[in-house]
Amino acid sequence: MTKQQRPSLEALATSQRDGVTTPQRSNVTTLPSAAAARPTPSHTSLYVSKPVLREIKKLALDYDRKPHDLYIEALDLLLRKYGRPSVAELSA
């Protein structure tokens, strides 16, 4: 089937196949997804020397946490020091 022989999406939306009618888009109810309710995380890079990174990994291991958890804790402390809302408050 060549491109010119293919039916348009609009034609497919109202076509009948085997006695089943495909509803128009206006008749379809769209439910909100769980992902839409969550804020989209942004990413950033942090460059530190290898000894600093090694110490953060050791701390995370010592306290059974992930290095990311320690970074978030550090950001919370920084925000608190300057009288700003916490990471949790800003992420809500």
PDB file of N, CA and C in Angstrom:
ATOM      1  N   MET A   1       0.853  -1.165   0.000  1.00  0.00           N
ATOM      2  CA  MET A   1       0.000   0.000   0.000  1.00  0.00           C
ATOM      3  C   MET A   1       0.900   1.230   0.000  1.00  0.00           C
ATOM      4  N   THR A   2       0.728   2.095  -0.946  1.00  0.00           N
ATOM      5  CA  THR A   2       1.536   3.304  -1.000  1.00  0.00           C
ATOM      6  C   THR A   2       0.953   4.357  -0.084  1.00  0.00           C
ATOM      7  N   LYS A   3       1.701   5.403   0.119  1.00  0.00           N
ATOM      8  CA  LYS A   3       1.282   6.462   1.023  1.00  0.00           C
ATOM      9  C   LYS A   3      -0.045   7.082   0.575  1.00  0.00           C
ATOM     10  N   GLN A   4      -0.231   7.254  -0.722  1.00  0.00           N
ATOM     11  CA  GLN A   4      -1.445   7.880  -1.234  1.00  0.00           C
ATOM     12  C   GLN A   4      -2.654   6.964  -1.094  1.00  0.00           C
ATOM     13  N   GLN A   5      -2.437   5.669  -0.957  1.00  0.00           N
ATOM     14  CA  GLN A   5      -3.555   4.734  -0.822  1.00  0.00           C
ATOM     15  C   GLN A   5      -4.015   4.592   0.622  1.00  0.00           C
ATOM     16  N   ARG A   6      -3.203   5.028   1.583  1.00  0.00           N
ATOM     17  CA  ARG A   6      -3.557   4.899   2.990  1.00  0.00           C
ATOM     18  C   ARG A   6      -4.663   5.877   3.356  1.00  0.00           C
ATOM     19  N   PRO A   7      -5.626   5.437   4.157  1.00  0.00           N
ATOM     20  CA  PRO A   7      -6.680   6.358   4.593  1.00  0.00           C
ATOM     21  C   PRO A   7      -6.136   7.344   5.624  1.00  0.00           C
ATOM     22  N   SER A   8      -6.751   8.494   5.711  1.00  0.00           N
ATOM     23  CA  SER A   8      -6.329   9.495   6.684  1.00  0.00           C
ATOM     24  C   SER A   8      -6.735   9.051   8.086  1.00  0.00           C
ATOM     25  N   LEU A   9      -6.130   9.659   9.086  1.00  0.00           N
ATOM     26  CA  LEU A   9      -6.492   9.350  10.472  1.00  0.00           C
ATOM     27  C   LEU A   9      -7.949   9.709  10.734  1.00  0.00           C
ATOM     28  N   GLU A  10      -8.406  10.797  10.139  1.00  0.00           N
ATOM     29  CA  GLU A  10      -9.796  11.206  10.315  1.00  0.00           C
ATOM     30  C   GLU A  10     -10.749  10.165   9.737  1.00  0.00           C
ATOM     31  N   ALA A  11     -10.395   9.625   8.589  1.00  0.00           N
ATOM     32  CA  ALA A  11     -11.221   8.583   7.984  1.00  0.00           C
ATOM     33  C   ALA A  11     -11.217   7.323   8.840  1.00  0.00           C
ATOM     34  N   LEU A  12     -10.064   6.998   9.413  1.00  0.00           N
ATOM     35  CA  LEU A  12      -9.987   5.818  10.281  1.00  0.00           C
ATOM     36  C   LEU A  12     -10.819   5.991  11.547  1.00  0.00           C
ATOM     37  N   ALA A  13     -10.909   7.214  12.073  1.00  0.00           N
ATOM     38  CA  ALA A  13     -11.637   7.472  13.306  1.00  0.00           C
ATOM     39  C   ALA A  13     -13.119   7.182  13.157  1.00  0.00           C
ATOM     40  N   THR A  14     -13.638   7.281  11.962  1.00  0.00           N
ATOM     41  CA  THR A  14     -15.072   7.055  11.759  1.00  0.00           C
ATOM     42  C   THR A  14     -15.342   5.796  10.950  1.00  0.00           C
ATOM     43  N   SER A  15     -14.316   5.038  10.625  1.00  0.00           N
ATOM     44  CA  SER A  15     -14.498   3.852   9.783  1.00  0.00           C
ATOM     45  C   SER A  15     -15.128   2.715  10.573  1.00  0.00           C
ATOM     46  N   GLN A  16     -15.736   1.799   9.834  1.00  0.00           N
ATOM     47  CA  GLN A  16     -16.318   0.611  10.450  1.00  0.00           C
ATOM     48  C   GLN A  16     -15.532  -0.598   9.985  1.00  0.00           C
ATOM     49  N   ARG A  17     -15.185  -1.429  10.933  1.00  0.00           N
ATOM     50  CA  ARG A  17     -14.500  -2.684  10.622  1.00  0.00           C
ATOM     51  C   ARG A  17     -15.206  -3.793  11.370  1.00  0.00           C
ATOM     52  N   ASP A  18     -15.606  -4.794  10.663  1.00  0.00           N
ATOM     53  CA  ASP A  18     -16.279  -5.955  11.253  1.00  0.00           C
ATOM     54  C   ASP A  18     -17.470  -5.530  12.110  1.00  0.00           C
ATOM     55  N   GLY A  19     -18.192  -4.519  11.668  1.00  0.00           N
ATOM     56  CA  GLY A  19     -19.392  -4.097  12.384  1.00  0.00           C
ATOM     57  C   GLY A  19     -19.124  -3.266  13.627  1.00  0.00           C
ATOM     58  N   VAL A  20     -17.871  -2.877  13.880  1.00  0.00           N
ATOM     59  CA  VAL A  20     -17.536  -2.081  15.056  1.00  0.00           C
ATOM     60  C   VAL A  20     -17.206  -0.666  14.584  1.00  0.00           C
ATOM     61  N   THR A  21     -17.857   0.313  15.189  1.00  0.00           N
ATOM     62  CA  THR A  21     -17.586   1.701  14.834  1.00  0.00           C
ATOM     63  C   THR A  21     -16.576   2.276  15.809  1.00  0.00           C
ATOM     64  N   THR A  22     -15.545   2.890  15.288  1.00  0.00           N
ATOM     65  CA  THR A  22     -14.551   3.552  16.121  1.00  0.00           C
ATOM     66  C   THR A  22     -15.092   4.925  16.491  1.00  0.00           C
ATOM     67  N   PRO A  23     -15.161   5.263  17.791  1.00  0.00           N
ATOM     68  CA  PRO A  23     -15.741   6.549  18.184  1.00  0.00           C
ATOM     69  C   PRO A  23     -14.867   7.724  17.777  1.00  0.00           C
ATOM     70  N   GLN A  24     -15.503   8.877  17.596  1.00  0.00           N
ATOM     71  CA  GLN A  24     -14.775  10.105  17.346  1.00  0.00           C
ATOM     72  C   GLN A  24     -13.976  10.462  18.590  1.00  0.00           C
ATOM     73  N   ARG A  25     -12.921  11.203  18.428  1.00  0.00           N
ATOM     74  CA  ARG A  25     -12.079  11.596  19.557  1.00  0.00           C
ATOM     75  C   ARG A  25     -12.869  12.404  20.574  1.00  0.00           C
ATOM     76  N   SER A  26     -13.826  13.203  20.151  1.00  0.00           N
ATOM     77  CA  SER A  26     -14.597  14.024  21.076  1.00  0.00           C
ATOM     78  C   SER A  26     -15.454  13.180  22.017  1.00  0.00           C
ATOM     79  N   ASN A  27     -15.705  11.920  21.664  1.00  0.00           N
ATOM     80  CA  ASN A  27     -16.517  11.036  22.504  1.00  0.00           C
ATOM     81  C   ASN A  27     -15.676  10.210  23.475  1.00  0.00           C
ATOM     82  N   VAL A  28     -14.370  10.355  23.420  1.00  0.00           N
ATOM     83  CA  VAL A  28     -13.472   9.554  24.245  1.00  0.00           C
ATOM     84  C   VAL A  28     -13.109  10.333  25.505  1.00  0.00           C
ATOM     85  N   THR A  29     -13.230   9.686  26.651  1.00  0.00           N
ATOM     86  CA  THR A  29     -12.855  10.315  27.909  1.00  0.00           C
ATOM     87  C   THR A  29     -11.412   9.969  28.226  1.00  0.00           C
ATOM     88  N   THR A  30     -10.606  10.988  28.482  1.00  0.00           N
ATOM     89  CA  THR A  30      -9.206  10.786  28.816  1.00  0.00           C
ATOM     90  C   THR A  30      -9.024  10.954  30.318  1.00  0.00           C
ATOM     91  N   LEU A  31      -8.468   9.938  30.952  1.00  0.00           N
ATOM     92  CA  LEU A  31      -8.222   9.987  32.386  1.00  0.00           C
ATOM     93  C   LEU A  31      -6.845  10.568  32.642  1.00  0.00           C
ATOM     94  N   PRO A  32      -6.690  11.366  33.692  1.00  0.00           N
ATOM     95  CA  PRO A  32      -5.355  11.900  33.991  1.00  0.00           C
ATOM     96  C   PRO A  32      -4.432  10.776  34.432  1.00  0.00           C
ATOM     97  N   SER A  33      -3.219  10.815  33.963  1.00  0.00           N
ATOM     98  CA  SER A  33      -2.256   9.779  34.347  1.00  0.00           C
ATOM     99  C   SER A  33      -1.584  10.165  35.655  1.00  0.00           C
ATOM    100  N   ALA A  34      -1.030   9.190  36.322  1.00  0.00           N
ATOM    101  CA  ALA A  34      -0.322   9.449  37.579  1.00  0.00           C
ATOM    102  C   ALA A  34       0.919  10.297  37.324  1.00  0.00           C
ATOM    103  N   ALA A  35       1.535  10.108  36.160  1.00  0.00           N
ATOM    104  CA  ALA A  35       2.740  10.873  35.836  1.00  0.00           C
ATOM    105  C   ALA A  35       2.419  12.353  35.667  1.00  0.00           C
ATOM    106  N   ALA A  36       1.220  12.667  35.195  1.00  0.00           N
ATOM    107  CA  ALA A  36       0.842  14.066  34.992  1.00  0.00           C
ATOM    108  C   ALA A  36       0.697  14.795  36.322  1.00  0.00           C
ATOM    109  N   ALA A  37       0.369  14.064  37.380  1.00  0.00           N
ATOM    110  CA  ALA A  37       0.184  14.677  38.691  1.00  0.00           C
ATOM    111  C   ALA A  37       1.519  14.997  39.366  1.00  0.00           C
ATOM    112  N   ARG A  38       2.551  14.267  39.003  1.00  0.00           N
ATOM    113  CA  ARG A  38       3.869  14.483  39.597  1.00  0.00           C
ATOM    114  C   ARG A  38       4.602  15.611  38.899  1.00  0.00           C
ATOM    115  N   PRO A  39       5.362  16.389  39.634  1.00  0.00           N
ATOM    116  CA  PRO A  39       6.174  17.402  38.954  1.00  0.00           C
ATOM    117  C   PRO A  39       7.289  16.735  38.161  1.00  0.00           C
ATOM    118  N   THR A  40       7.642  17.339  37.068  1.00  0.00           N
ATOM    119  CA  THR A  40       8.719  16.806  36.241  1.00  0.00           C
ATOM    120  C   THR A  40      10.053  17.170  36.866  1.00  0.00           C
ATOM    121  N   PRO A  41      10.869  16.172  37.199  1.00  0.00           N
ATOM    122  CA  PRO A  41      12.157  16.497  37.804  1.00  0.00           C
ATOM    123  C   PRO A  41      13.089  17.137  36.782  1.00  0.00           C
ATOM    124  N   SER A  42      13.877  18.057  37.240  1.00  0.00           N
ATOM    125  CA  SER A  42      14.897  18.624  36.362  1.00  0.00           C
ATOM    126  C   SER A  42      16.240  18.048  36.794  1.00  0.00           C
ATOM    127  N   HIS A  43      17.184  18.158  35.940  1.00  0.00           N
ATOM    128  CA  HIS A  43      18.492  17.566  36.225  1.00  0.00           C
ATOM    129  C   HIS A  43      19.560  18.642  36.195  1.00  0.00           C
ATOM    130  N   THR A  44      20.565  18.420  36.984  1.00  0.00           N
ATOM    131  CA  THR A  44      21.718  19.307  36.992  1.00  0.00           C
ATOM    132  C   THR A  44      22.945  18.460  37.275  1.00  0.00           C
ATOM    133  N   SER A  45      24.080  19.000  36.990  1.00  0.00           N
ATOM    134  CA  SER A  45      25.332  18.290  37.238  1.00  0.00           C
ATOM    135  C   SER A  45      26.099  18.991  38.338  1.00  0.00           C
ATOM    136  N   LEU A  46      26.771  18.201  39.131  1.00  0.00           N
ATOM    137  CA  LEU A  46      27.596  18.728  40.202  1.00  0.00           C
ATOM    138  C   LEU A  46      28.990  18.129  40.029  1.00  0.00           C
ATOM    139  N   TYR A  47      29.962  18.987  39.849  1.00  0.00           N
ATOM    140  CA  TYR A  47      31.327  18.523  39.654  1.00  0.00           C
ATOM    141  C   TYR A  47      32.101  18.704  40.952  1.00  0.00           C
ATOM    142  N   VAL A  48      32.595  17.591  41.489  1.00  0.00           N
ATOM    143  CA  VAL A  48      33.406  17.619  42.706  1.00  0.00           C
ATOM    144  C   VAL A  48      34.634  16.751  42.467  1.00  0.00           C
ATOM    145  N   SER A  49      35.634  16.968  43.271  1.00  0.00           N
ATOM    146  CA  SER A  49      36.852  16.174  43.113  1.00  0.00           C
ATOM    147  C   SER A  49      36.586  14.729  43.527  1.00  0.00           C
ATOM    148  N   LYS A  50      37.431  13.840  43.064  1.00  0.00           N
ATOM    149  CA  LYS A  50      37.267  12.422  43.385  1.00  0.00           C
ATOM    150  C   LYS A  50      37.301  12.146  44.886  1.00  0.00           C
ATOM    151  N   PRO A  51      38.196  12.795  45.656  1.00  0.00           N
ATOM    152  CA  PRO A  51      38.178  12.536  47.097  1.00  0.00           C
ATOM    153  C   PRO A  51      36.851  12.944  47.761  1.00  0.00           C
ATOM    154  N   VAL A  52      36.269  14.056  47.310  1.00  0.00           N
ATOM    155  CA  VAL A  52      34.978  14.492  47.869  1.00  0.00           C
ATOM    156  C   VAL A  52      33.899  13.480  47.511  1.00  0.00           C
ATOM    157  N   LEU A  53      33.854  13.064  46.264  1.00  0.00           N
ATOM    158  CA  LEU A  53      32.864  12.075  45.827  1.00  0.00           C
ATOM    159  C   LEU A  53      33.026  10.771  46.596  1.00  0.00           C
ATOM    160  N   ARG A  54      34.265  10.371  46.815  1.00  0.00           N
ATOM    161  CA  ARG A  54      34.544   9.143  47.565  1.00  0.00           C
ATOM    162  C   ARG A  54      33.990   9.246  48.986  1.00  0.00           C
ATOM    163  N   GLU A  55      34.192  10.405  49.635  1.00  0.00           N
ATOM    164  CA  GLU A  55      33.690  10.604  50.999  1.00  0.00           C
ATOM    165  C   GLU A  55      32.161  10.587  51.044  1.00  0.00           C
ATOM    166  N   ILE A  56      31.529  11.187  50.048  1.00  0.00           N
ATOM    167  CA  ILE A  56      30.060  11.173  50.003  1.00  0.00           C
ATOM    168  C   ILE A  56      29.556   9.747  49.842  1.00  0.00           C
ATOM    169  N   LYS A  57      30.218   8.972  49.002  1.00  0.00           N
ATOM    170  CA  LYS A  57      29.823   7.565  48.830  1.00  0.00           C
ATOM    171  C   LYS A  57      30.024   6.775  50.120  1.00  0.00           C
ATOM    172  N   LYS A  58      31.115   7.054  50.838  1.00  0.00           N
ATOM    173  CA  LYS A  58      31.361   6.379  52.122  1.00  0.00           C
ATOM    174  C   LYS A  58      30.286   6.747  53.136  1.00  0.00           C
ATOM    175  N   LEU A  59      29.947   8.045  53.195  1.00  0.00           N
ATOM    176  CA  LEU A  59      28.884   8.487  54.113  1.00  0.00           C
ATOM    177  C   LEU A  59      27.569   7.789  53.791  1.00  0.00           C
ATOM    178  N   ALA A  60      27.248   7.740  52.520  1.00  0.00           N
ATOM    179  CA  ALA A  60      26.001   7.091  52.104  1.00  0.00           C
ATOM    180  C   ALA A  60      26.010   5.623  52.515  1.00  0.00           C
ATOM    181  N   LEU A  61      27.119   4.963  52.334  1.00  0.00           N
ATOM    182  CA  LEU A  61      27.239   3.562  52.714  1.00  0.00           C
ATOM    183  C   LEU A  61      27.133   3.395  54.234  1.00  0.00           C
ATOM    184  N   ASP A  62      27.823   4.269  54.975  1.00  0.00           N
ATOM    185  CA  ASP A  62      27.794   4.201  56.440  1.00  0.00           C
ATOM    186  C   ASP A  62      26.373   4.368  56.997  1.00  0.00           C
ATOM    187  N   TYR A  63      25.578   5.207  56.362  1.00  0.00           N
ATOM    188  CA  TYR A  63      24.234   5.496  56.865  1.00  0.00           C
ATOM    189  C   TYR A  63      23.131   4.807  56.063  1.00  0.00           C
ATOM    190  N   ASP A  64      23.533   3.843  55.230  1.00  0.00           N
ATOM    191  CA  ASP A  64      22.587   3.055  54.435  1.00  0.00           C
ATOM    192  C   ASP A  64      21.643   3.960  53.645  1.00  0.00           C
ATOM    193  N   ARG A  65      22.238   4.921  52.964  1.00  0.00           N
ATOM    194  CA  ARG A  65      21.480   5.858  52.149  1.00  0.00           C
ATOM    195  C   ARG A  65      22.144   5.962  50.788  1.00  0.00           C
ATOM    196  N   LYS A  66      21.490   6.640  49.881  1.00  0.00           N
ATOM    197  CA  LYS A  66      22.053   6.881  48.559  1.00  0.00           C
ATOM    198  C   LYS A  66      22.740   8.246  48.567  1.00  0.00           C
ATOM    199  N   PRO A  67      23.786   8.406  47.746  1.00  0.00           N
ATOM    200  CA  PRO A  67      24.418   9.725  47.665  1.00  0.00           C
ATOM    201  C   PRO A  67      23.407  10.823  47.319  1.00  0.00           C
ATOM    202  N   HIS A  68      22.431  10.512  46.472  1.00  0.00           N
ATOM    203  CA  HIS A  68      21.401  11.489  46.115  1.00  0.00           C
ATOM    204  C   HIS A  68      20.673  12.008  47.352  1.00  0.00           C
ATOM    205  N   ASP A  69      20.375  11.110  48.302  1.00  0.00           N
ATOM    206  CA  ASP A  69      19.698  11.519  49.541  1.00  0.00           C
ATOM    207  C   ASP A  69      20.542  12.542  50.307  1.00  0.00           C
ATOM    208  N   LEU A  70      21.850  12.327  50.311  1.00  0.00           N
ATOM    209  CA  LEU A  70      22.742  13.267  51.001  1.00  0.00           C
ATOM    210  C   LEU A  70      22.786  14.611  50.287  1.00  0.00           C
ATOM    211  N   TYR A  71      22.748  14.593  48.961  1.00  0.00           N
ATOM    212  CA  TYR A  71      22.729  15.856  48.208  1.00  0.00           C
ATOM    213  C   TYR A  71      21.458  16.646  48.514  1.00  0.00           C
ATOM    214  N   ILE A  72      20.328  15.962  48.571  1.00  0.00           N
ATOM    215  CA  ILE A  72      19.056  16.626  48.875  1.00  0.00           C
ATOM    216  C   ILE A  72      19.089  17.188  50.297  1.00  0.00           C
ATOM    217  N   GLU A  73      19.648  16.410  51.235  1.00  0.00           N
ATOM    218  CA  GLU A  73      19.785  16.897  52.611  1.00  0.00           C
ATOM    219  C   GLU A  73      20.657  18.156  52.645  1.00  0.00           C
ATOM    220  N   ALA A  74      21.738  18.150  51.895  1.00  0.00           N
ATOM    221  CA  ALA A  74      22.627  19.311  51.845  1.00  0.00           C
ATOM    222  C   ALA A  74      21.913  20.524  51.252  1.00  0.00           C
ATOM    223  N   LEU A  75      21.107  20.297  50.217  1.00  0.00           N
ATOM    224  CA  LEU A  75      20.341  21.402  49.633  1.00  0.00           C
ATOM    225  C   LEU A  75      19.324  21.955  50.626  1.00  0.00           C
ATOM    226  N   ASP A  76      18.704  21.069  51.397  1.00  0.00           N
ATOM    227  CA  ASP A  76      17.761  21.514  52.436  1.00  0.00           C
ATOM    228  C   ASP A  76      18.460  22.404  53.462  1.00  0.00           C
ATOM    229  N   LEU A  77      19.645  21.984  53.887  1.00  0.00           N
ATOM    230  CA  LEU A  77      20.401  22.779  54.849  1.00  0.00           C
ATOM    231  C   LEU A  77      20.777  24.143  54.272  1.00  0.00           C
ATOM    232  N   LEU A  78      21.166  24.165  53.027  1.00  0.00           N
ATOM    233  CA  LEU A  78      21.525  25.418  52.362  1.00  0.00           C
ATOM    234  C   LEU A  78      20.309  26.349  52.258  1.00  0.00           C
ATOM    235  N   LEU A  79      19.181  25.798  51.836  1.00  0.00           N
ATOM    236  CA  LEU A  79      17.962  26.610  51.718  1.00  0.00           C
ATOM    237  C   LEU A  79      17.529  27.150  53.080  1.00  0.00           C
ATOM    238  N   ARG A  80      17.613  26.306  54.117  1.00  0.00           N
ATOM    239  CA  ARG A  80      17.244  26.736  55.464  1.00  0.00           C
ATOM    240  C   ARG A  80      18.163  27.860  55.946  1.00  0.00           C
ATOM    241  N   LYS A  81      19.463  27.734  55.671  1.00  0.00           N
ATOM    242  CA  LYS A  81      20.435  28.746  56.093  1.00  0.00           C
ATOM    243  C   LYS A  81      20.069  30.126  55.538  1.00  0.00           C
ATOM    244  N   TYR A  82      19.561  30.161  54.328  1.00  0.00           N
ATOM    245  CA  TYR A  82      19.228  31.435  53.695  1.00  0.00           C
ATOM    246  C   TYR A  82      17.738  31.776  53.782  1.00  0.00           C
ATOM    247  N   GLY A  83      17.016  31.058  54.666  1.00  0.00           N
ATOM    248  CA  GLY A  83      15.615  31.386  54.916  1.00  0.00           C
ATOM    249  C   GLY A  83      14.665  31.100  53.757  1.00  0.00           C
ATOM    250  N   ARG A  84      14.979  30.114  52.969  1.00  0.00           N
ATOM    251  CA  ARG A  84      14.152  29.748  51.815  1.00  0.00           C
ATOM    252  C   ARG A  84      13.312  28.515  52.131  1.00  0.00           C
ATOM    253  N   PRO A  85      12.263  28.250  51.343  1.00  0.00           N
ATOM    254  CA  PRO A  85      11.458  27.031  51.552  1.00  0.00           C
ATOM    255  C   PRO A  85      12.296  25.774  51.327  1.00  0.00           C
ATOM    256  N   SER A  86      11.914  24.705  51.985  1.00  0.00           N
ATOM    257  CA  SER A  86      12.653  23.445  51.874  1.00  0.00           C
ATOM    258  C   SER A  86      12.431  22.804  50.501  1.00  0.00           C
ATOM    259  N   VAL A  87      13.234  21.788  50.217  1.00  0.00           N
ATOM    260  CA  VAL A  87      13.107  21.033  48.977  1.00  0.00           C
ATOM    261  C   VAL A  87      11.712  20.424  48.882  1.00  0.00           C
ATOM    262  N   ALA A  88      11.213  19.866  49.988  1.00  0.00           N
ATOM    263  CA  ALA A  88       9.887  19.253  50.001  1.00  0.00           C
ATOM    264  C   ALA A  88       8.810  20.288  49.698  1.00  0.00           C
ATOM    265  N   GLU A  89       8.920  21.461  50.296  1.00  0.00           N
ATOM    266  CA  GLU A  89       7.922  22.520  50.065  1.00  0.00           C
ATOM    267  C   GLU A  89       7.963  22.996  48.610  1.00  0.00           C
ATOM    268  N   LEU A  90       9.149  23.119  48.066  1.00  0.00           N
ATOM    269  CA  LEU A  90       9.278  23.570  46.678  1.00  0.00           C
ATOM    270  C   LEU A  90       8.849  22.512  45.684  1.00  0.00           C
ATOM    271  N   SER A  91       8.929  21.238  46.080  1.00  0.00           N
ATOM    272  CA  SER A  91       8.573  20.143  45.183  1.00  0.00           C
ATOM    273  C   SER A  91       7.090  19.807  45.219  1.00  0.00           C
ATOM    274  N   ALA A  92       6.377  20.327  46.208  1.00  0.00           N
ATOM    275  CA  ALA A  92       4.948  20.009  46.349  1.00  0.00           C
ATOM    276  C   ALA A  92       4.113  20.715  45.307  1.00  0.00           C
TER     277      ALA A  92
END
